[in-house]
C-alpha atoms as a PDB file:
ATOM      1  CA  MET A   1      21.826  12.013   7.219  1.00  0.00           C
ATOM      2  CA  SER A   2      19.791  13.903   9.807  1.00  0.00           C
ATOM      3  CA  ASP A   3      19.543  12.743  13.404  1.00  0.00           C
ATOM      4  CA  LEU A   4      15.876  11.796  12.889  1.00  0.00           C
ATOM      5  CA  ALA A   5      16.715   9.757   9.780  1.00  0.00           C
ATOM      6  CA  ALA A   6      19.568   8.013  11.621  1.00  0.00           C
ATOM      7  CA  ARG A   7      17.301   7.068  14.542  1.00  0.00           C
ATOM      8  CA  VAL A   8      14.596   5.779  12.160  1.00  0.00           C
ATOM      9  CA  THR A   9      17.234   3.742  10.291  1.00  0.00           C
ATOM     10  CA  ALA A  10      18.420   2.236  13.587  1.00  0.00           C
ATOM     11  CA  ALA A  11      14.822   1.403  14.572  1.00  0.00           C
ATOM     12  CA  LEU A  12      14.235  -0.305  11.218  1.00  0.00           C
ATOM     13  CA  GLU A  13      17.435  -2.327  11.527  1.00  0.00           C
ATOM     14  CA  ARG A  14      16.447  -3.518  15.025  1.00  0.00           C
ATOM     15  CA  SER A  15      12.874  -4.460  14.169  1.00  0.00           C
ATOM     16  CA  VAL A  16      11.471  -4.964  10.683  1.00  0.00           C
ATOM     17  CA  LEU A  17      14.417  -4.866   8.278  1.00  0.00           C
ATOM     18  CA  PRO A  18      15.258  -8.586   8.725  1.00  0.00           C
ATOM     19  CA  SER A  19      11.638  -9.512   7.854  1.00  0.00           C
ATOM     20  CA  VAL A  20      11.644  -7.275   4.760  1.00  0.00           C
ATOM     21  CA  ILE A  21      14.979  -8.703   3.590  1.00  0.00           C
ATOM     22  CA  ALA A  22      13.781 -12.276   4.201  1.00  0.00           C
ATOM     23  CA  ARG A  23      10.812 -11.548   1.927  1.00  0.00           C
ATOM     24  CA  GLY A  24      13.091 -10.327  -0.878  1.00  0.00           C
ATOM     25  CA  GLY A  25      12.939  -6.583  -0.319  1.00  0.00           C
ATOM     26  CA  ALA A  26      14.881  -3.656   1.036  1.00  0.00           C
ATOM     27  CA  ILE A  27      13.845  -0.507   2.861  1.00  0.00           C
ATOM     28  CA  ARG A  28      15.668   2.750   3.543  1.00  0.00           C
ATOM     29  CA  VAL A  29      14.866   6.233   4.811  1.00  0.00           C
ATOM     30  CA  ALA A  30      14.296   8.453   1.758  1.00  0.00           C
ATOM     31  CA  ALA A  31      13.250  11.573   3.671  1.00  0.00           C
ATOM     32  CA  ALA A  32      12.658  12.694   7.231  1.00  0.00           C
ATOM     33  CA  GLY A  33      10.851  16.014   7.465  1.00  0.00           C
ATOM     34  CA  ALA A  34      10.914  18.523  10.302  1.00  0.00           C
ATOM     35  CA  ASP A  35       7.156  17.855  10.660  1.00  0.00           C
ATOM     36  CA  GLY A  36       7.921  14.270  11.720  1.00  0.00           C
ATOM     37  CA  VAL A  37       6.785  12.659   8.460  1.00  0.00           C
ATOM     38  CA  VAL A  38       9.213   9.955   7.367  1.00  0.00           C
ATOM     39  CA  THR A  39       9.234   8.549   3.842  1.00  0.00           C
ATOM     40  CA  LEU A  40      10.678   5.068   3.445  1.00  0.00           C
ATOM     41  CA  GLU A  41      11.758   3.828   0.029  1.00  0.00           C
ATOM     42  CA  VAL A  42      10.876   0.178  -0.510  1.00  0.00           C
ATOM     43  CA  THR A  43      12.590  -1.825  -3.256  1.00  0.00           C
ATOM     44  CA  GLY A  44      12.616  -5.453  -4.309  1.00  0.00           C
ATOM     45  CA  SER A  45       9.648  -7.785  -4.104  1.00  0.00           C
ATOM     46  CA  PRO A  46       6.280  -5.931  -3.944  1.00  0.00           C
ATOM     47  CA  GLY A  47       5.135  -8.293  -1.198  1.00  0.00           C
ATOM     48  CA  ALA A  48       8.191  -7.648   0.966  1.00  0.00           C
ATOM     49  CA  ALA A  49       6.888  -4.606   2.843  1.00  0.00           C
ATOM     50  CA  LEU A  50       3.165  -4.406   1.996  1.00  0.00           C
ATOM     51  CA  PRO A  51       2.055  -7.037   4.520  1.00  0.00           C
ATOM     52  CA  LEU A  52       4.283  -5.367   7.127  1.00  0.00           C
ATOM     53  CA  ALA A  53       3.198  -1.746   6.506  1.00  0.00           C
ATOM     54  CA  SER A  54       1.341  -1.309   9.797  1.00  0.00           C
ATOM     55  CA  ARG A  55       4.078  -3.145  11.713  1.00  0.00           C
ATOM     56  CA  ILE A  56       6.734  -0.919  10.128  1.00  0.00           C
ATOM     57  CA  GLU A  57       4.887   2.256  11.092  1.00  0.00           C
ATOM     58  CA  ALA A  58       4.203   1.017  14.642  1.00  0.00           C
ATOM     59  CA  ALA A  59       7.845   0.041  15.167  1.00  0.00           C
ATOM     60  CA  VAL A  60       9.178   3.348  13.882  1.00  0.00           C
ATOM     61  CA  ARG A  61       6.712   5.469  15.848  1.00  0.00           C
ATOM     62  CA  ALA A  62       7.333   3.490  19.056  1.00  0.00           C
ATOM     63  CA  ALA A  63      11.123   3.797  18.750  1.00  0.00           C
ATOM     64  CA  VAL A  64      11.171   7.427  17.582  1.00  0.00           C
ATOM     65  CA  PRO A  65       8.318   9.354  19.263  1.00  0.00           C
ATOM     66  CA  GLU A  66       8.783  12.497  17.144  1.00  0.00           C
ATOM     67  CA  VAL A  67       7.702  10.600  14.023  1.00  0.00           C
ATOM     68  CA  THR A  68       4.125  11.638  13.230  1.00  0.00           C
ATOM     69  CA  ALA A  69       3.585   9.556  10.086  1.00  0.00           C
ATOM     70  CA  VAL A  70       5.371   6.957   7.988  1.00  0.00           C
ATOM     71  CA  ARG A  71       4.908   6.801   4.225  1.00  0.00           C
ATOM     72  CA  LEU A  72       6.116   3.888   2.099  1.00  0.00           C
ATOM     73  CA  ALA A  73       7.171   4.814  -1.418  1.00  0.00           C
ATOM     74  CA  ALA A  74       8.528   3.040  -4.447  1.00  0.00           C
ATOM     75  CA  PRO A  75      11.707   4.477  -5.972  1.00  0.00           C
ATOM     76  CA  GLY A  76      11.007   7.524  -8.121  1.00  0.00           C
ATOM     77  CA  THR A  77       7.455   8.187  -6.891  1.00  0.00           C
ATOM     78  CA  SER A  78       6.405  11.781  -6.515  1.00  0.00           C
ATOM     79  CA  PRO A  79       6.179  13.327  -3.080  1.00  0.00           C
ATOM     80  CA  PRO A  80       2.893  13.624  -1.188  1.00  0.00           C
ATOM     81  CA  GLY A  81       0.694  16.509  -2.204  1.00  0.00           C
ATOM     82  CA  SER A  82       1.551  16.396  -5.903  1.00  0.00           C
ATOM     83  CA  PRO A  83      -0.880  18.259  -8.144  1.00  0.00           C
ATOM     84  CA  GLY A  84      -3.335  16.567 -10.444  1.00  0.00           C
ATOM     85  CA  GLY A  85      -6.749  16.533  -8.729  1.00  0.00           C
ATOM     86  CA  ALA A  86      -9.127  13.575  -9.005  1.00  0.00           C
ATOM     87  CA  ALA A  87      -7.844  12.518 -12.431  1.00  0.00           C
ATOM     88  CA  GLY A  88      -4.256  12.644 -11.182  1.00  0.00           C
ATOM     89  CA  LEU A  89      -5.148  10.660  -8.068  1.00  0.00           C
ATOM     90  CA  ALA A  90      -6.964   8.028 -10.132  1.00  0.00           C
ATOM     91  CA  GLU A  91      -3.984   7.715 -12.487  1.00  0.00           C
ATOM     92  CA  ALA A  92      -1.502   7.519  -9.592  1.00  0.00           C
ATOM     93  CA  ALA A  93      -3.633   4.809  -7.942  1.00  0.00           C
ATOM     94  CA  ARG A  94      -3.836   2.937 -11.257  1.00  0.00           C
ATOM     95  CA  GLN A  95      -0.037   2.966 -11.532  1.00  0.00           C
ATOM     96  CA  VAL A  96       0.421   1.619  -7.991  1.00  0.00           C
ATOM     97  CA  LEU A  97      -2.186  -1.106  -8.554  1.00  0.00           C
ATOM     98  CA  ASP A  98      -0.660  -2.155 -11.882  1.00  0.00           C
ATOM     99  CA  ALA A  99       2.881  -2.226 -10.498  1.00  0.00           C
ATOM    100  CA  GLU A 100       2.338  -3.689  -7.048  1.00  0.00           C
ATOM    101  CA  VAL A 101      -1.105  -5.220  -6.513  1.00  0.00           C
ATOM    102  CA  ASN A 102      -2.112  -6.827  -9.800  1.00  0.00           C
ATOM    103  CA  PRO A 103       1.048  -8.957 -10.105  1.00  0.00           C
ATOM    104  CA  ALA A 104       0.354 -10.351  -6.621  1.00  0.00           C
ATOM    105  CA  ILE A 105      -3.344 -11.103  -7.057  1.00  0.00           C
ATOM    106  CA  ALA A 106      -2.802 -12.541 -10.527  1.00  0.00           C
ATOM    107  CA  ALA A 107      -1.807 -15.755  -8.726  1.00  0.00           C
ATOM    108  CA  HIS A 108      -5.490 -16.000  -7.716  1.00  0.00           C
ATOM    109  CA  ARG A 109      -6.680 -15.141 -11.238  1.00  0.00           C
ATOM    110  CA  GLY A 110      -7.596 -11.673  -9.931  1.00  0.00           C
ATOM    111  CA  HIS A 111      -7.272  -8.141 -11.187  1.00  0.00           C
ATOM    112  CA  VAL A 112      -8.196  -4.735  -9.752  1.00  0.00           C
ATOM    113  CA  THR A 113      -8.921  -1.588 -11.758  1.00  0.00           C
ATOM    114  CA  VAL A 114      -9.603   2.024 -10.841  1.00  0.00           C
ATOM    115  CA  ASP A 115     -13.142   3.111 -11.697  1.00  0.00           C
ATOM    116  CA  GLY A 116     -12.545   6.754 -10.709  1.00  0.00           C
ATOM    117  CA  ALA A 117     -11.676   9.077  -7.844  1.00  0.00           C
ATOM    118  CA  GLU A 118     -13.439  11.905  -6.047  1.00  0.00           C
ATOM    119  CA  ASP A 119     -12.544  13.876  -2.907  1.00  0.00           C
ATOM    120  CA  GLY A 120      -9.793  11.405  -2.013  1.00  0.00           C
ATOM    121  CA  TRP A 121     -12.043   8.357  -2.403  1.00  0.00           C
ATOM    122  CA  ILE A 122     -10.889   5.866  -5.034  1.00  0.00           C
ATOM    123  CA  ARG A 123     -13.482   3.595  -6.619  1.00  0.00           C
ATOM    124  CA  ILE A 124     -12.088   0.175  -7.490  1.00  0.00           C
ATOM    125  CA  ARG A 125     -13.493  -2.835  -9.296  1.00  0.00           C
ATOM    126  CA  LEU A 126     -12.309  -6.398  -8.708  1.00  0.00           C
ATOM    127  CA  ASP A 127     -12.374  -8.852 -11.604  1.00  0.00           C
ATOM    128  CA  GLY A 128     -11.534 -12.488 -12.273  1.00  0.00           C
ATOM    129  CA  GLY A 129     -10.960 -14.637  -9.211  1.00  0.00           C
ATOM    130  CA  CYS A 130     -11.466 -11.609  -6.930  1.00  0.00           C
ATOM    131  CA  GLN A 131     -15.040 -10.950  -8.128  1.00  0.00           C
ATOM    132  CA  GLY A 132     -17.257 -12.788  -5.660  1.00  0.00           C
ATOM    133  CA  CYS A 133     -14.313 -14.033  -3.584  1.00  0.00           C
ATOM    134  CA  SER A 134     -15.210 -14.438   0.077  1.00  0.00           C
ATOM    135  CA  LEU A 135     -11.897 -12.792   1.033  1.00  0.00           C
ATOM    136  CA  ALA A 136     -12.229  -9.765  -1.266  1.00  0.00           C
ATOM    137  CA  GLU A 137     -13.025  -7.408   1.622  1.00  0.00           C
ATOM    138  CA  VAL A 138      -9.926  -8.607   3.501  1.00  0.00           C
ATOM    139  CA  THR A 139      -7.793  -8.064   0.399  1.00  0.00           C
ATOM    140  CA  ILE A 140      -9.147  -4.528   0.048  1.00  0.00           C
ATOM    141  CA  ARG A 141      -9.030  -3.416   3.694  1.00  0.00           C
ATOM    142  CA  GLN A 142      -5.819  -5.142   4.781  1.00  0.00           C
ATOM    143  CA  GLY A 143      -3.860  -5.108   1.544  1.00  0.00           C
ATOM    144  CA  ILE A 144      -4.876  -2.648  -1.152  1.00  0.00           C
ATOM    145  CA  GLU A 145      -6.144   0.239   1.000  1.00  0.00           C
ATOM    146  CA  PRO A 146      -3.116   0.446   3.339  1.00  0.00           C
ATOM    147  CA  LEU A 147      -0.776   0.284   0.345  1.00  0.00           C
ATOM    148  CA  LEU A 148      -2.549   3.105  -1.495  1.00  0.00           C
ATOM    149  CA  ARG A 149      -2.675   5.231   1.675  1.00  0.00           C
ATOM    150  CA  ALA A 150       1.048   4.698   2.208  1.00  0.00           C
ATOM    151  CA  ARG A 151       1.909   5.567  -1.400  1.00  0.00           C
ATOM    152  CA  LEU A 152      -0.586   8.384  -2.013  1.00  0.00           C
ATOM    153  CA  SER A 153      -1.178  10.879   0.787  1.00  0.00           C
ATOM    154  CA  ALA A 154      -4.328  12.224  -0.904  1.00  0.00           C
ATOM    155  CA  VAL A 155      -6.172   8.887  -0.499  1.00  0.00           C
ATOM    156  CA  THR A 156      -9.044   9.054   1.989  1.00  0.00           C
ATOM    157  CA  GLY A 157     -10.254   5.515   1.364  1.00  0.00           C
ATOM    158  CA  LEU A 158     -11.490   2.947  -1.144  1.00  0.00           C
ATOM    159  CA  VAL A 159     -14.973   2.212  -2.396  1.00  0.00           C
ATOM    160  CA  ASP A 160     -15.526  -1.247  -3.862  1.00  0.00           C
ATOM    161  CA  VAL A 161     -17.944  -0.914  -6.808  1.00  0.00           C
ATOM    162  CA  THR A 162     -17.649  -4.570  -7.816  1.00  0.00           C
ATOM    163  CA  ASP A 163     -20.832  -6.569  -8.440  1.00  0.00           C
ATOM    164  CA  HIS A 164     -19.661  -9.545  -6.395  1.00  0.00           C
ATOM    165  CA  GLU A 165     -22.916 -11.441  -6.979  1.00  0.00           C
ATOM    166  CA  ALA A 166     -22.042 -11.629 -10.689  1.00  0.00           C
ATOM    167  CA  GLY A 167     -18.726 -13.384 -10.014  1.00  0.00           C
ATOM    168  CA  THR A 168     -18.641 -16.675 -11.881  1.00  0.00           C
ATOM    169  CA  ASP A 169     -15.308 -18.135 -10.707  1.00  0.00           C
ATOM    170  CA  PRO A 170     -14.248 -16.706  -7.326  1.00  0.00           C
ATOM    171  CA  PHE A 171     -10.919 -17.914  -5.956  1.00  0.00           C
ATOM    172  CA  PHE A 172     -12.485 -18.543  -2.537  1.00  0.00           C
ATOM    173  CA  SER A 173     -16.198 -19.157  -2.902  1.00  0.00           C
ATOM    174  CA  PRO A 174     -18.476 -18.183   0.011  1.00  0.00           C
ATOM    175  CA  GLU A 175     -18.943 -21.911   0.722  1.00  0.00           C
ATOM    176  CA  LYS A 176     -15.212 -22.225   1.508  1.00  0.00           C
ATOM    177  CA  ARG A 177     -15.440 -19.686   4.336  1.00  0.00           C
END
């Protein structure tokens, strides 16, 4: 284990690891590049690290100043910069959503699909309880987008192409706001 990886591991153990474990997950340093990019492998419950992604990065970067970026990755995911273009990015995003996001939002009768990708922008569509939900924007900006950025380095951002006005059974209706 490199010195950088050892210091990142120590920072994780002091700060966020107990929270990740308490949520049913585990996290370890998978790679620590000379460029300061650290890849952390997250296993266990999908919700164990996702809500803590920004806290994890802040803790690591504060404790180890040479870290320039922190990427969260599921076991066996391909490294950043993999080939495939827009179609490859859309498919990679679809896999992450199906494995990590859709099981979580299914509890709210929701589902998210990839409508396409172009120049790093992924178009998504929310269905079910997420279509018309007053908290859909929060779900996208604080949940789905940070996860996709952490998993897929080619992601610039998300574009919501959902017709929220057509939602017939939102989990949180605008009146509940």
